[in-house]
Amino acid sequence: KHESALSNLSNIVSLDPLYGEAWNKKATVHYMMGEVDNSIKAAEEALKIDDRNFQALAGIGLIEMDLSHYDKAESAFRKCLAINPWLVTVSSRLSVCMSKKDK
């Protein structure tokens, strides 16, 4: 399933490289496949197109948090919340990162 979705999304971004949401969905699929480096790269492509893509920022934050890169995760989550302050899950993850990096 994931390989097919990734193939379709790759086709979409090759046809329209400025379709930011396709890049963001590609980042999601890479994450689901455990390909965190490719996920971050795809999310960064989405952010090049729209630097206010809070979903891409949340995804980067989640990956950085998973990797115990709490400073990077905190930065991504703060940027995300500056755009959309109503994301409770992101707020919770930010709190976790802040408490982890202080230890």
Protein backbone atom coordinates (compact mmCIF):
# COMPACT_ATOMS: atom_id res chain seq x y z
CA LYS A 1 0.00 0.00 0.00
CA HIS A 2 2.62 2.52 1.05
CA GLU A 3 4.79 1.87 -1.99
CA SER A 4 1.83 2.47 -4.29
CA ALA A 5 0.89 5.69 -2.50
CA LEU A 6 4.50 6.87 -2.61
CA SER A 7 4.70 6.09 -6.33
CA ASN A 8 1.49 8.03 -7.01
CA LEU A 9 2.66 11.01 -4.97
CA SER A 10 6.05 10.97 -6.70
CA ASN A 11 4.24 11.09 -10.04
CA ILE A 12 2.15 14.02 -8.83
CA VAL A 13 5.14 16.08 -7.68
CA SER A 14 7.00 15.32 -10.90
CA LEU A 15 4.03 16.72 -12.83
CA ASP A 16 3.54 19.67 -10.48
CA PRO A 17 6.56 20.28 -8.23
CA LEU A 18 4.81 23.27 -6.65
CA TYR A 19 1.94 21.18 -5.28
CA GLY A 20 2.86 21.54 -1.62
CA GLU A 21 0.21 19.24 -0.22
CA ALA A 22 1.50 16.38 -2.37
CA TRP A 23 4.95 16.94 -0.87
CA ASN A 24 3.43 16.93 2.61
CA LYS A 25 1.53 13.69 1.96
CA LYS A 26 4.72 12.20 0.54
CA ALA A 27 6.43 13.14 3.83
CA THR A 28 3.66 11.35 5.72
CA VAL A 29 4.01 8.17 3.69
CA HIS A 30 7.79 8.17 4.13
CA TYR A 31 7.27 8.53 7.88
CA MET A 32 4.81 5.63 7.91
CA MET A 33 7.43 3.54 6.09
CA GLY A 34 10.08 4.45 8.68
CA GLU A 35 12.04 6.57 6.20
CA VAL A 36 12.56 9.58 8.42
CA ASP A 37 15.28 11.25 6.35
CA ASN A 38 13.10 11.14 3.24
CA SER A 39 10.14 12.30 5.29
CA ILE A 40 12.00 15.39 6.51
CA LYS A 41 13.22 16.14 2.98
CA ALA A 42 9.67 15.96 1.59
CA ALA A 43 8.31 18.12 4.44
CA GLU A 44 11.04 20.67 3.76
CA GLU A 45 9.98 20.75 0.09
CA ALA A 46 6.42 21.48 1.24
CA LEU A 47 7.75 24.32 3.40
CA LYS A 48 9.72 25.80 0.49
CA ILE A 49 6.40 26.16 -1.32
CA ASP A 50 4.43 27.37 1.70
CA ASP A 51 6.38 28.28 4.82
CA ARG A 52 3.09 28.33 6.75
CA ASN A 53 2.35 24.64 6.16
CA PHE A 54 1.73 23.80 9.80
CA GLN A 55 1.22 20.12 9.04
CA ALA A 56 4.71 19.85 7.56
CA LEU A 57 6.12 21.66 10.61
CA ALA A 58 4.22 19.32 12.95
CA GLY A 59 5.59 16.33 11.05
CA ILE A 60 9.16 17.57 11.28
CA GLY A 61 8.65 18.20 14.98
CA LEU A 62 7.33 14.68 15.50
CA ILE A 63 10.31 13.12 13.73
CA GLU A 64 12.81 15.25 15.64
CA MET A 65 11.04 14.32 18.87
CA ASP A 66 11.20 10.62 17.95
CA LEU A 67 14.94 11.06 17.38
CA SER A 68 15.33 12.81 20.77
CA HIS A 69 16.37 16.03 19.03
CA TYR A 70 14.27 18.05 21.45
CA ASP A 71 15.64 21.49 20.50
CA LYS A 72 14.82 20.94 16.82
CA ALA A 73 11.44 19.46 17.70
CA GLU A 74 10.66 22.41 19.98
CA SER A 75 11.52 24.85 17.21
CA ALA A 76 9.29 23.09 14.68
CA PHE A 77 6.40 22.82 17.15
CA ARG A 78 6.69 26.51 18.10
CA LYS A 79 6.59 27.54 14.43
CA CYS A 80 3.60 25.27 13.92
CA LEU A 81 1.72 26.73 16.87
CA ALA A 82 2.50 30.28 15.75
CA ILE A 83 0.51 29.47 12.63
CA ASN A 84 -2.21 27.35 14.22
CA PRO A 85 -2.34 27.76 18.01
CA TRP A 86 -5.31 25.40 18.41
CA LEU A 87 -3.39 22.16 17.85
CA VAL A 88 -3.66 20.47 21.24
CA THR A 89 -1.51 17.49 20.26
CA VAL A 90 1.30 19.76 19.09
CA SER A 91 1.05 21.79 22.32
CA SER A 92 1.35 18.58 24.32
CA ARG A 93 4.35 17.43 22.31
CA LEU A 94 5.99 20.82 22.79
CA SER A 95 5.58 20.48 26.56
CA VAL A 96 7.17 17.04 26.47
CA CYS A 97 10.13 18.35 24.47
CA MET A 98 10.63 21.24 26.84
CA SER A 99 10.62 18.92 29.85
CA LYS A 100 12.96 16.39 28.21
CA LYS A 101 15.58 18.91 27.14
CA ASP A 102 15.77 20.35 30.66
CA LYS A 103 16.91 16.98 32.01
